[in-house]
């Protein structure tokens, strides 16, 4: 969660990181000031990018703007670091295309 919070702090479209245990959510918005949900097309771009890099996430939230991360109990630090790198890269890819 600490590393996801760092991603939140340096990316304008990640507004919230929350969770308990291995059930974690990352909420995406157009910008942190308005807190308006990221459009479904934007969320879909990020999800597809993450999937293409080998990570599966779930969708949540009223508009599908929340990524649900539910790793298996056997997750390793290497797996967690890989996920963080993939999420970071796909957010940057989205921001570059925007």
PDB file of N, CA and C in Angstrom:
ATOM      1  N   UNK A   1       0.824  -1.192   0.000  1.00  0.00           N
ATOM      2  CA  UNK A   1       0.000   0.000   0.000  1.00  0.00           C
ATOM      3  C   UNK A   1       0.871   1.259   0.000  1.00  0.00           C
ATOM      4  N   UNK A   2       1.989   1.202   0.670  1.00  0.00           N
ATOM      5  CA  UNK A   2       2.872   2.366   0.725  1.00  0.00           C
ATOM      6  C   UNK A   2       3.371   2.742  -0.661  1.00  0.00           C
ATOM      7  N   UNK A   3       3.766   1.748  -1.441  1.00  0.00           N
ATOM      8  CA  UNK A   3       4.265   2.025  -2.787  1.00  0.00           C
ATOM      9  C   UNK A   3       3.143   2.510  -3.705  1.00  0.00           C
ATOM     10  N   UNK A   4       1.935   1.989  -3.526  1.00  0.00           N
ATOM     11  CA  UNK A   4       0.795   2.486  -4.305  1.00  0.00           C
ATOM     12  C   UNK A   4       0.479   3.929  -3.918  1.00  0.00           C
ATOM     13  N   UNK A   5       0.626   4.262  -2.645  1.00  0.00           N
ATOM     14  CA  UNK A   5       0.411   5.638  -2.204  1.00  0.00           C
ATOM     15  C   UNK A   5       1.441   6.569  -2.847  1.00  0.00           C
ATOM     16  N   UNK A   6       2.664   6.088  -3.032  1.00  0.00           N
ATOM     17  CA  UNK A   6       3.678   6.895  -3.720  1.00  0.00           C
ATOM     18  C   UNK A   6       3.278   7.138  -5.171  1.00  0.00           C
ATOM     19  N   UNK A   7       2.717   6.103  -5.825  1.00  0.00           N
ATOM     20  CA  UNK A   7       2.216   6.275  -7.196  1.00  0.00           C
ATOM     21  C   UNK A   7       1.087   7.303  -7.221  1.00  0.00           C
ATOM     22  N   UNK A   8       0.211   7.230  -6.225  1.00  0.00           N
ATOM     23  CA  UNK A   8      -0.895   8.198  -6.127  1.00  0.00           C
ATOM     24  C   UNK A   8      -0.347   9.622  -6.017  1.00  0.00           C
ATOM     25  N   UNK A   9       0.672   9.796  -5.195  1.00  0.00           N
ATOM     26  CA  UNK A   9       1.222  11.134  -4.962  1.00  0.00           C
ATOM     27  C   UNK A   9       1.885  11.725  -6.195  1.00  0.00           C
ATOM     28  N   UNK A  10       2.425  10.883  -7.073  1.00  0.00           N
ATOM     29  CA  UNK A  10       3.122  11.440  -8.228  1.00  0.00           C
ATOM     30  C   UNK A  10       2.318  11.386  -9.531  1.00  0.00           C
ATOM     31  N   UNK A  11       1.114  10.829  -9.494  1.00  0.00           N
ATOM     32  CA  UNK A  11       0.263  10.769 -10.689  1.00  0.00           C
ATOM     33  C   UNK A  11      -1.046  11.495 -10.438  1.00  0.00           C
ATOM     34  N   UNK A  12      -1.387  12.406 -11.328  1.00  0.00           N
ATOM     35  CA  UNK A  12      -2.580  13.231 -11.151  1.00  0.00           C
ATOM     36  C   UNK A  12      -3.880  12.463 -11.355  1.00  0.00           C
ATOM     37  N   UNK A  13      -3.845  11.300 -12.006  1.00  0.00           N
ATOM     38  CA  UNK A  13      -5.100  10.584 -12.258  1.00  0.00           C
ATOM     39  C   UNK A  13      -5.407   9.520 -11.206  1.00  0.00           C
ATOM     40  N   UNK A  14      -4.479   9.240 -10.308  1.00  0.00           N
ATOM     41  CA  UNK A  14      -4.754   8.298  -9.217  1.00  0.00           C
ATOM     42  C   UNK A  14      -5.143   9.121  -7.999  1.00  0.00           C
ATOM     43  N   UNK A  15      -6.425   9.051  -7.627  1.00  0.00           N
ATOM     44  CA  UNK A  15      -6.910   9.909  -6.549  1.00  0.00           C
ATOM     45  C   UNK A  15      -6.925   9.232  -5.191  1.00  0.00           C
ATOM     46  N   UNK A  16      -7.060   7.919  -5.176  1.00  0.00           N
ATOM     47  CA  UNK A  16      -7.180   7.239  -3.888  1.00  0.00           C
ATOM     48  C   UNK A  16      -6.650   5.818  -3.988  1.00  0.00           C
ATOM     49  N   UNK A  17      -6.019   5.387  -2.922  1.00  0.00           N
ATOM     50  CA  UNK A  17      -5.563   4.006  -2.770  1.00  0.00           C
ATOM     51  C   UNK A  17      -6.090   3.551  -1.418  1.00  0.00           C
ATOM     52  N   UNK A  18      -6.845   2.464  -1.421  1.00  0.00           N
ATOM     53  CA  UNK A  18      -7.419   2.005  -0.160  1.00  0.00           C
ATOM     54  C   UNK A  18      -7.522   0.482  -0.167  1.00  0.00           C
ATOM     55  N   UNK A  19      -7.672  -0.055   1.002  1.00  0.00           N
ATOM     56  CA  UNK A  19      -7.830  -1.490   1.086  1.00  0.00           C
ATOM     57  C   UNK A  19      -7.471  -2.023   2.440  1.00  0.00           C
ATOM     58  N   UNK A  20      -7.616  -3.319   2.556  1.00  0.00           N
ATOM     59  CA  UNK A  20      -7.297  -4.017   3.792  1.00  0.00           C
ATOM     60  C   UNK A  20      -6.759  -5.382   3.405  1.00  0.00           C
ATOM     61  N   UNK A  21      -5.612  -5.711   3.951  1.00  0.00           N
ATOM     62  CA  UNK A  21      -5.017  -6.988   3.605  1.00  0.00           C
ATOM     63  C   UNK A  21      -4.642  -7.020   2.142  1.00  0.00           C
ATOM     64  N   UNK A  22      -5.070  -8.070   1.450  1.00  0.00           N
ATOM     65  CA  UNK A  22      -4.750  -8.210   0.034  1.00  0.00           C
ATOM     66  C   UNK A  22      -5.871  -7.720  -0.887  1.00  0.00           C
ATOM     67  N   UNK A  23      -6.874  -7.058  -0.343  1.00  0.00           N
ATOM     68  CA  UNK A  23      -7.925  -6.481  -1.172  1.00  0.00           C
ATOM     69  C   UNK A  23      -7.665  -4.984  -1.251  1.00  0.00           C
ATOM     70  N   UNK A  24      -7.192  -4.539  -2.408  1.00  0.00           N
ATOM     71  CA  UNK A  24      -6.750  -3.165  -2.580  1.00  0.00           C
ATOM     72  C   UNK A  24      -7.483  -2.545  -3.766  1.00  0.00           C
ATOM     73  N   UNK A  25      -7.803  -1.267  -3.650  1.00  0.00           N
ATOM     74  CA  UNK A  25      -8.442  -0.531  -4.737  1.00  0.00           C
ATOM     75  C   UNK A  25      -7.637   0.714  -5.058  1.00  0.00           C
ATOM     76  N   UNK A  26      -7.589   1.027  -6.347  1.00  0.00           N
ATOM     77  CA  UNK A  26      -6.938   2.242  -6.836  1.00  0.00           C
ATOM     78  C   UNK A  26      -7.981   2.984  -7.665  1.00  0.00           C
ATOM     79  N   UNK A  27      -8.342   4.186  -7.213  1.00  0.00           N
ATOM     80  CA  UNK A  27      -9.365   4.966  -7.910  1.00  0.00           C
ATOM     81  C   UNK A  27      -8.713   5.960  -8.858  1.00  0.00           C
ATOM     82  N   UNK A  28      -9.240   6.019 -10.090  1.00  0.00           N
ATOM     83  CA  UNK A  28      -8.679   6.905 -11.109  1.00  0.00           C
ATOM     84  C   UNK A  28      -9.672   7.997 -11.479  1.00  0.00           C
ATOM     85  N   UNK A  29      -9.149   9.220 -11.617  1.00  0.00           N
ATOM     86  CA  UNK A  29      -9.961  10.398 -11.930  1.00  0.00           C
ATOM     87  C   UNK A  29      -9.315  11.192 -13.058  1.00  0.00           C
ATOM     88  N   UNK A  30     -10.087  12.130 -13.630  1.00  0.00           N
ATOM     89  CA  UNK A  30      -9.524  13.009 -14.661  1.00  0.00           C
ATOM     90  C   UNK A  30      -8.407  13.860 -14.070  1.00  0.00           C
ATOM     91  N   UNK A  31      -8.678  14.440 -12.903  1.00  0.00           N
ATOM     92  CA  UNK A  31      -7.657  15.170 -12.158  1.00  0.00           C
ATOM     93  C   UNK A  31      -8.096  15.229 -10.696  1.00  0.00           C
ATOM     94  N   UNK A  32      -7.126  15.388  -9.818  1.00  0.00           N
ATOM     95  CA  UNK A  32      -7.412  15.331  -8.385  1.00  0.00           C
ATOM     96  C   UNK A  32      -8.225  16.523  -7.897  1.00  0.00           C
ATOM     97  N   UNK A  33      -8.160  17.633  -8.610  1.00  0.00           N
ATOM     98  CA  UNK A  33      -8.890  18.829  -8.181  1.00  0.00           C
ATOM     99  C   UNK A  33     -10.390  18.634  -8.328  1.00  0.00           C
ATOM    100  N   UNK A  34     -10.820  18.199  -9.505  1.00  0.00           N
ATOM    101  CA  UNK A  34     -12.257  18.022  -9.748  1.00  0.00           C
ATOM    102  C   UNK A  34     -12.766  16.690  -9.184  1.00  0.00           C
ATOM    103  N   UNK A  35     -11.886  15.708  -9.065  1.00  0.00           N
ATOM    104  CA  UNK A  35     -12.220  14.347  -8.626  1.00  0.00           C
ATOM    105  C   UNK A  35     -13.295  13.705  -9.515  1.00  0.00           C
ATOM    106  N   UNK A  36     -13.439  14.216 -10.730  1.00  0.00           N
ATOM    107  CA  UNK A  36     -14.364  13.630 -11.692  1.00  0.00           C
ATOM    108  C   UNK A  36     -13.787  12.307 -12.178  1.00  0.00           C
ATOM    109  N   UNK A  37     -14.608  11.292 -12.243  1.00  0.00           N
ATOM    110  CA  UNK A  37     -14.147   9.959 -12.623  1.00  0.00           C
ATOM    111  C   UNK A  37     -13.477   9.961 -13.991  1.00  0.00           C
ATOM    112  N   UNK A  38     -12.444   9.148 -14.115  1.00  0.00           N
ATOM    113  CA  UNK A  38     -11.805   8.953 -15.412  1.00  0.00           C
ATOM    114  C   UNK A  38     -12.838   8.313 -16.333  1.00  0.00           C
ATOM    115  N   UNK A  39     -12.976   8.809 -17.566  1.00  0.00           N
ATOM    116  CA  UNK A  39     -13.974   8.236 -18.479  1.00  0.00           C
ATOM    117  C   UNK A  39     -13.734   6.738 -18.707  1.00  0.00           C
ATOM    118  N   UNK A  40     -14.794   5.999 -18.969  1.00  0.00           N
ATOM    119  CA  UNK A  40     -14.654   4.556 -19.182  1.00  0.00           C
ATOM    120  C   UNK A  40     -13.628   4.196 -20.255  1.00  0.00           C
ATOM    121  N   UNK A  41     -13.502   5.034 -21.294  1.00  0.00           N
ATOM    122  CA  UNK A  41     -12.517   4.753 -22.345  1.00  0.00           C
ATOM    123  C   UNK A  41     -11.092   4.824 -21.792  1.00  0.00           C
ATOM    124  N   UNK A  42     -10.847   5.797 -20.922  1.00  0.00           N
ATOM    125  CA  UNK A  42      -9.526   5.942 -20.317  1.00  0.00           C
ATOM    126  C   UNK A  42      -9.192   4.771 -19.411  1.00  0.00           C
ATOM    127  N   UNK A  43     -10.177   4.373 -18.618  1.00  0.00           N
ATOM    128  CA  UNK A  43      -9.977   3.224 -17.731  1.00  0.00           C
ATOM    129  C   UNK A  43      -9.715   1.973 -18.566  1.00  0.00           C
ATOM    130  N   UNK A  44     -10.469   1.811 -19.654  1.00  0.00           N
ATOM    131  CA  UNK A  44     -10.293   0.643 -20.521  1.00  0.00           C
ATOM    132  C   UNK A  44      -8.893   0.620 -21.132  1.00  0.00           C
ATOM    133  N   UNK A  45      -8.382   1.786 -21.528  1.00  0.00           N
ATOM    134  CA  UNK A  45      -7.018   1.851 -22.082  1.00  0.00           C
ATOM    135  C   UNK A  45      -5.996   1.363 -21.062  1.00  0.00           C
ATOM    136  N   UNK A  46      -6.123   1.832 -19.834  1.00  0.00           N
ATOM    137  CA  UNK A  46      -5.184   1.437 -18.783  1.00  0.00           C
ATOM    138  C   UNK A  46      -5.317  -0.059 -18.493  1.00  0.00           C
ATOM    139  N   UNK A  47      -6.558  -0.553 -18.379  1.00  0.00           N
ATOM    140  CA  UNK A  47      -6.773  -1.974 -18.109  1.00  0.00           C
ATOM    141  C   UNK A  47      -6.182  -2.851 -19.197  1.00  0.00           C
ATOM    142  N   UNK A  48      -6.399  -2.476 -20.449  1.00  0.00           N
ATOM    143  CA  UNK A  48      -5.863  -3.272 -21.561  1.00  0.00           C
ATOM    144  C   UNK A  48      -4.340  -3.238 -21.572  1.00  0.00           C
ATOM    145  N   UNK A  49      -3.770  -2.089 -21.292  1.00  0.00           N
ATOM    146  CA  UNK A  49      -2.319  -1.957 -21.240  1.00  0.00           C
ATOM    147  C   UNK A  49      -1.735  -2.844 -20.139  1.00  0.00           C
ATOM    148  N   UNK A  50      -2.369  -2.808 -18.969  1.00  0.00           N
ATOM    149  CA  UNK A  50      -1.926  -3.642 -17.843  1.00  0.00           C
ATOM    150  C   UNK A  50      -2.037  -5.121 -18.214  1.00  0.00           C
ATOM    151  N   UNK A  51      -3.159  -5.483 -18.831  1.00  0.00           N
ATOM    152  CA  UNK A  51      -3.374  -6.885 -19.242  1.00  0.00           C
ATOM    153  C   UNK A  51      -2.334  -7.319 -20.260  1.00  0.00           C
ATOM    154  N   UNK A  52      -2.034  -6.438 -21.220  1.00  0.00           N
ATOM    155  CA  UNK A  52      -1.034  -6.770 -22.241  1.00  0.00           C
ATOM    156  C   UNK A  52       0.354  -6.968 -21.642  1.00  0.00           C
ATOM    157  N   UNK A  53       0.596  -6.356 -20.487  1.00  0.00           N
ATOM    158  CA  UNK A  53       1.887  -6.528 -19.803  1.00  0.00           C
ATOM    159  C   UNK A  53       1.886  -7.699 -18.830  1.00  0.00           C
ATOM    160  N   UNK A  54       0.768  -8.427 -18.746  1.00  0.00           N
ATOM    161  CA  UNK A  54       0.740  -9.660 -17.969  1.00  0.00           C
ATOM    162  C   UNK A  54       0.107  -9.596 -16.600  1.00  0.00           C
ATOM    163  N   UNK A  55      -0.683  -8.554 -16.325  1.00  0.00           N
ATOM    164  CA  UNK A  55      -1.320  -8.428 -15.007  1.00  0.00           C
ATOM    165  C   UNK A  55      -2.833  -8.298 -15.210  1.00  0.00           C
ATOM    166  N   UNK A  56      -3.598  -9.006 -14.394  1.00  0.00           N
ATOM    167  CA  UNK A  56      -5.056  -8.913 -14.446  1.00  0.00           C
ATOM    168  C   UNK A  56      -5.560  -8.171 -13.214  1.00  0.00           C
ATOM    169  N   UNK A  57      -6.498  -7.250 -13.445  1.00  0.00           N
ATOM    170  CA  UNK A  57      -7.130  -6.505 -12.349  1.00  0.00           C
ATOM    171  C   UNK A  57      -8.636  -6.571 -12.560  1.00  0.00           C
ATOM    172  N   UNK A  58      -9.368  -6.300 -11.495  1.00  0.00           N
ATOM    173  CA  UNK A  58     -10.812  -6.217 -11.587  1.00  0.00           C
ATOM    174  C   UNK A  58     -11.248  -4.767 -11.664  1.00  0.00           C
ATOM    175  N   UNK A  59     -12.519  -4.562 -12.032  1.00  0.00           N
ATOM    176  CA  UNK A  59     -13.076  -3.210 -12.090  1.00  0.00           C
ATOM    177  C   UNK A  59     -14.103  -3.056 -10.988  1.00  0.00           C
ATOM    178  N   UNK A  60     -14.196  -1.838 -10.475  1.00  0.00           N
ATOM    179  CA  UNK A  60     -15.184  -1.524  -9.462  1.00  0.00           C
ATOM    180  C   UNK A  60     -15.595  -0.072  -9.587  1.00  0.00           C
ATOM    181  N   UNK A  61     -16.452   0.354  -8.699  1.00  0.00           N
ATOM    182  CA  UNK A  61     -16.912   1.734  -8.726  1.00  0.00           C
ATOM    183  C   UNK A  61     -18.120   1.888  -9.624  1.00  0.00           C
ATOM    184  N   UNK A  62     -18.848   2.937  -9.387  1.00  0.00           N
ATOM    185  CA  UNK A  62     -20.078   3.197 -10.134  1.00  0.00           C
ATOM    186  C   UNK A  62     -19.830   3.333 -11.627  1.00  0.00           C
ATOM    187  N   UNK A  63     -18.692   3.917 -11.997  1.00  0.00           N
ATOM    188  CA  UNK A  63     -18.366   4.130 -13.407  1.00  0.00           C
ATOM    189  C   UNK A  63     -17.203   3.254 -13.875  1.00  0.00           C
ATOM    190  N   UNK A  64     -16.827   2.262 -13.090  1.00  0.00           N
ATOM    191  CA  UNK A  64     -15.724   1.382 -13.450  1.00  0.00           C
ATOM    192  C   UNK A  64     -14.363   2.032 -13.290  1.00  0.00           C
ATOM    193  N   UNK A  65     -14.293   3.126 -12.535  1.00  0.00           N
ATOM    194  CA  UNK A  65     -13.064   3.896 -12.403  1.00  0.00           C
ATOM    195  C   UNK A  65     -12.124   3.368 -11.315  1.00  0.00           C
ATOM    196  N   UNK A  66     -12.522   2.334 -10.629  1.00  0.00           N
ATOM    197  CA  UNK A  66     -11.714   1.791  -9.547  1.00  0.00           C
ATOM    198  C   UNK A  66     -11.135   0.440  -9.940  1.00  0.00           C
ATOM    199  N   UNK A  67      -9.824   0.325  -9.833  1.00  0.00           N
ATOM    200  CA  UNK A  67      -9.148  -0.945 -10.114  1.00  0.00           C
ATOM    201  C   UNK A  67      -9.123  -1.770  -8.846  1.00  0.00           C
ATOM    202  N   UNK A  68      -9.526  -2.998  -8.954  1.00  0.00           N
ATOM    203  CA  UNK A  68      -9.491  -3.913  -7.806  1.00  0.00           C
ATOM    204  C   UNK A  68      -8.308  -4.848  -7.971  1.00  0.00           C
ATOM    205  N   UNK A  69      -7.494  -4.865  -6.956  1.00  0.00           N
ATOM    206  CA  UNK A  69      -6.298  -5.704  -6.982  1.00  0.00           C
ATOM    207  C   UNK A  69      -6.465  -6.756  -5.890  1.00  0.00           C
ATOM    208  N   UNK A  70      -6.532  -8.009  -6.297  1.00  0.00           N
ATOM    209  CA  UNK A  70      -6.717  -9.109  -5.347  1.00  0.00           C
ATOM    210  C   UNK A  70      -5.711 -10.209  -5.670  1.00  0.00           C
ATOM    211  N   UNK A  71      -4.475 -10.021  -5.223  1.00  0.00           N
ATOM    212  CA  UNK A  71      -3.453 -11.024  -5.538  1.00  0.00           C
ATOM    213  C   UNK A  71      -3.666 -12.310  -4.732  1.00  0.00           C
ATOM    214  N   UNK A  72      -3.052 -13.388  -5.187  1.00  0.00           N
ATOM    215  CA  UNK A  72      -3.157 -14.651  -4.443  1.00  0.00           C
ATOM    216  C   UNK A  72      -2.366 -14.569  -3.139  1.00  0.00           C
ATOM    217  N   UNK A  73      -2.695 -15.438  -2.208  1.00  0.00           N
ATOM    218  CA  UNK A  73      -2.015 -15.457  -0.905  1.00  0.00           C
ATOM    219  C   UNK A  73      -0.519 -15.729  -1.043  1.00  0.00           C
ATOM    220  N   UNK A  74      -0.109 -16.357  -2.119  1.00  0.00           N
ATOM    221  CA  UNK A  74       1.302 -16.721  -2.296  1.00  0.00           C
ATOM    222  C   UNK A  74       2.106 -15.640  -3.021  1.00  0.00           C
ATOM    223  N   UNK A  75       1.593 -14.402  -3.076  1.00  0.00           N
ATOM    224  CA  UNK A  75       2.291 -13.326  -3.778  1.00  0.00           C
ATOM    225  C   UNK A  75       3.655 -13.078  -3.127  1.00  0.00           C
ATOM    226  N   UNK A  76       4.633 -12.802  -3.968  1.00  0.00           N
ATOM    227  CA  UNK A  76       5.988 -12.508  -3.474  1.00  0.00           C
ATOM    228  C   UNK A  76       6.272 -11.015  -3.648  1.00  0.00           C
ATOM    229  N   UNK A  77       7.339 -10.553  -3.026  1.00  0.00           N
ATOM    230  CA  UNK A  77       7.739  -9.155  -3.187  1.00  0.00           C
ATOM    231  C   UNK A  77       8.079  -8.873  -4.648  1.00  0.00           C
ATOM    232  N   UNK A  78       8.667  -9.845  -5.320  1.00  0.00           N
ATOM    233  CA  UNK A  78       8.980  -9.692  -6.745  1.00  0.00           C
ATOM    234  C   UNK A  78       7.702  -9.489  -7.570  1.00  0.00           C
ATOM    235  N   UNK A  79       6.655 -10.261  -7.249  1.00  0.00           N
ATOM    236  CA  UNK A  79       5.369 -10.112  -7.929  1.00  0.00           C
ATOM    237  C   UNK A  79       4.779  -8.720  -7.673  1.00  0.00           C
ATOM    238  N   UNK A  80       4.837  -8.268  -6.432  1.00  0.00           N
ATOM    239  CA  UNK A  80       4.300  -6.952  -6.067  1.00  0.00           C
ATOM    240  C   UNK A  80       5.052  -5.847  -6.793  1.00  0.00           C
ATOM    241  N   UNK A  81       6.362  -5.955  -6.853  1.00  0.00           N
ATOM    242  CA  UNK A  81       7.165  -4.949  -7.557  1.00  0.00           C
ATOM    243  C   UNK A  81       6.869  -4.945  -9.057  1.00  0.00           C
ATOM    244  N   UNK A  82       6.647  -6.136  -9.615  1.00  0.00           N
ATOM    245  CA  UNK A  82       6.280  -6.234 -11.027  1.00  0.00           C
ATOM    246  C   UNK A  82       4.956  -5.524 -11.271  1.00  0.00           C
ATOM    247  N   UNK A  83       3.974  -5.779 -10.415  1.00  0.00           N
ATOM    248  CA  UNK A  83       2.677  -5.122 -10.551  1.00  0.00           C
ATOM    249  C   UNK A  83       2.820  -3.600 -10.489  1.00  0.00           C
ATOM    250  N   UNK A  84       3.583  -3.108  -9.520  1.00  0.00           N
ATOM    251  CA  UNK A  84       3.777  -1.664  -9.380  1.00  0.00           C
ATOM    252  C   UNK A  84       4.402  -1.064 -10.641  1.00  0.00           C
ATOM    253  N   UNK A  85       5.388  -1.745 -11.188  1.00  0.00           N
ATOM    254  CA  UNK A  85       6.054  -1.263 -12.405  1.00  0.00           C
ATOM    255  C   UNK A  85       5.074  -1.244 -13.582  1.00  0.00           C
ATOM    256  N   UNK A  86       4.260  -2.278 -13.698  1.00  0.00           N
ATOM    257  CA  UNK A  86       3.279  -2.368 -14.785  1.00  0.00           C
ATOM    258  C   UNK A  86       2.229  -1.269 -14.656  1.00  0.00           C
ATOM    259  N   UNK A  87       1.679  -1.083 -13.461  1.00  0.00           N
ATOM    260  CA  UNK A  87       0.674  -0.043 -13.257  1.00  0.00           C
ATOM    261  C   UNK A  87       1.264   1.334 -13.544  1.00  0.00           C
ATOM    262  N   UNK A  88       2.457   1.585 -13.043  1.00  0.00           N
ATOM    263  CA  UNK A  88       3.123   2.860 -13.276  1.00  0.00           C
ATOM    264  C   UNK A  88       3.329   3.103 -14.772  1.00  0.00           C
ATOM    265  N   UNK A  89       3.815   2.090 -15.486  1.00  0.00           N
ATOM    266  CA  UNK A  89       4.063   2.225 -16.921  1.00  0.00           C
ATOM    267  C   UNK A  89       2.761   2.488 -17.679  1.00  0.00           C
ATOM    268  N   UNK A  90       1.688   1.769 -17.342  1.00  0.00           N
ATOM    269  CA  UNK A  90       0.444   1.948 -18.088  1.00  0.00           C
ATOM    270  C   UNK A  90      -0.207   3.293 -17.788  1.00  0.00           C
ATOM    271  N   UNK A  91      -0.072   3.814 -16.569  1.00  0.00           N
ATOM    272  CA  UNK A  91      -0.577   5.160 -16.276  1.00  0.00           C
ATOM    273  C   UNK A  91       0.208   6.184 -17.081  1.00  0.00           C
ATOM    274  N   UNK A  92       1.531   6.027 -17.135  1.00  0.00           N
ATOM    275  CA  UNK A  92       2.362   6.941 -17.927  1.00  0.00           C
ATOM    276  C   UNK A  92       2.025   6.846 -19.410  1.00  0.00           C
ATOM    277  N   UNK A  93       1.800   5.635 -19.905  1.00  0.00           N
ATOM    278  CA  UNK A  93       1.409   5.456 -21.306  1.00  0.00           C
ATOM    279  C   UNK A  93       0.111   6.197 -21.596  1.00  0.00           C
ATOM    280  N   UNK A  94      -0.854   6.059 -20.684  1.00  0.00           N
ATOM    281  CA  UNK A  94      -2.140   6.735 -20.862  1.00  0.00           C
ATOM    282  C   UNK A  94      -1.956   8.254 -20.882  1.00  0.00           C
ATOM    283  N   UNK A  95      -1.183   8.772 -19.947  1.00  0.00           N
ATOM    284  CA  UNK A  95      -0.961  10.221 -19.877  1.00  0.00           C
ATOM    285  C   UNK A  95      -0.236  10.753 -21.110  1.00  0.00           C
ATOM    286  N   UNK A  96       0.658   9.964 -21.676  1.00  0.00           N
ATOM    287  CA  UNK A  96       1.361  10.373 -22.904  1.00  0.00           C
ATOM    288  C   UNK A  96       0.414  10.422 -24.100  1.00  0.00           C
ATOM    289  N   UNK A  97      -0.549   9.498 -24.145  1.00  0.00           N
ATOM    290  CA  UNK A  97      -1.502   9.461 -25.255  1.00  0.00           C
ATOM    291  C   UNK A  97      -2.579  10.533 -25.135  1.00  0.00           C
ATOM    292  N   UNK A  98      -2.818  10.987 -23.929  1.00  0.00           N
ATOM    293  CA  UNK A  98      -3.926  11.919 -23.657  1.00  0.00           C
ATOM    294  C   UNK A  98      -3.664  13.272 -24.240  1.00  0.00           C
TER     295      UNK A  98
END
